[in-house]
Protein backbone atom coordinates (compact mmCIF):
# COMPACT_ATOMS: atom_id res chain seq x y z
CA MET A 1 77.45 93.65 106.99
CA PRO A 2 78.41 91.31 104.00
CA GLU A 3 78.18 87.55 104.58
CA SER A 4 81.87 86.92 103.38
CA SER A 5 85.01 88.62 102.66
CA ASP A 6 88.63 87.87 101.98
CA VAL A 7 90.19 90.28 104.60
CA VAL A 8 88.92 91.83 107.78
CA ILE A 9 90.52 95.32 108.45
CA VAL A 10 90.59 96.25 112.04
CA GLY A 11 90.50 100.09 112.33
CA GLY A 12 88.89 102.66 110.03
CA GLY A 13 91.35 105.43 110.24
CA ALA A 14 93.64 106.59 107.40
CA ALA A 15 95.58 103.42 107.09
CA GLY A 16 92.67 101.01 107.37
CA CYS A 17 90.70 102.89 104.76
CA SER A 18 93.81 103.08 102.55
CA VAL A 19 94.38 99.34 102.82
CA ALA A 20 90.90 98.72 101.83
CA TYR A 21 90.83 100.98 98.84
CA HIS A 22 94.05 99.40 97.47
CA LEU A 23 92.75 95.88 98.08
CA ALA A 24 89.48 96.74 96.30
CA LEU A 25 91.60 97.85 93.33
CA ALA A 26 93.23 94.34 93.29
CA GLY A 27 89.70 92.79 93.38
CA VAL A 28 90.05 91.57 97.03
CA LYS A 29 86.81 91.93 99.22
CA SER A 30 87.41 93.43 102.67
CA ILE A 31 85.37 94.52 105.61
CA ILE A 32 86.34 97.33 107.70
CA VAL A 33 85.60 96.99 111.42
CA GLU A 34 85.71 100.11 113.45
CA GLY A 35 84.80 100.45 117.23
CA GLN A 36 83.78 104.14 116.72
CA GLY A 37 82.11 105.92 113.85
CA VAL A 38 84.03 106.26 110.50
């Protein structure tokens, strides 16, 4: 797991992954936290 990020996204479903993708396009570092496998 990375040591730092700008945003933590809770949930790796379609919405969480979409948010992470669009944040990455904007240059924002994010981490997805998922209780089950992604």
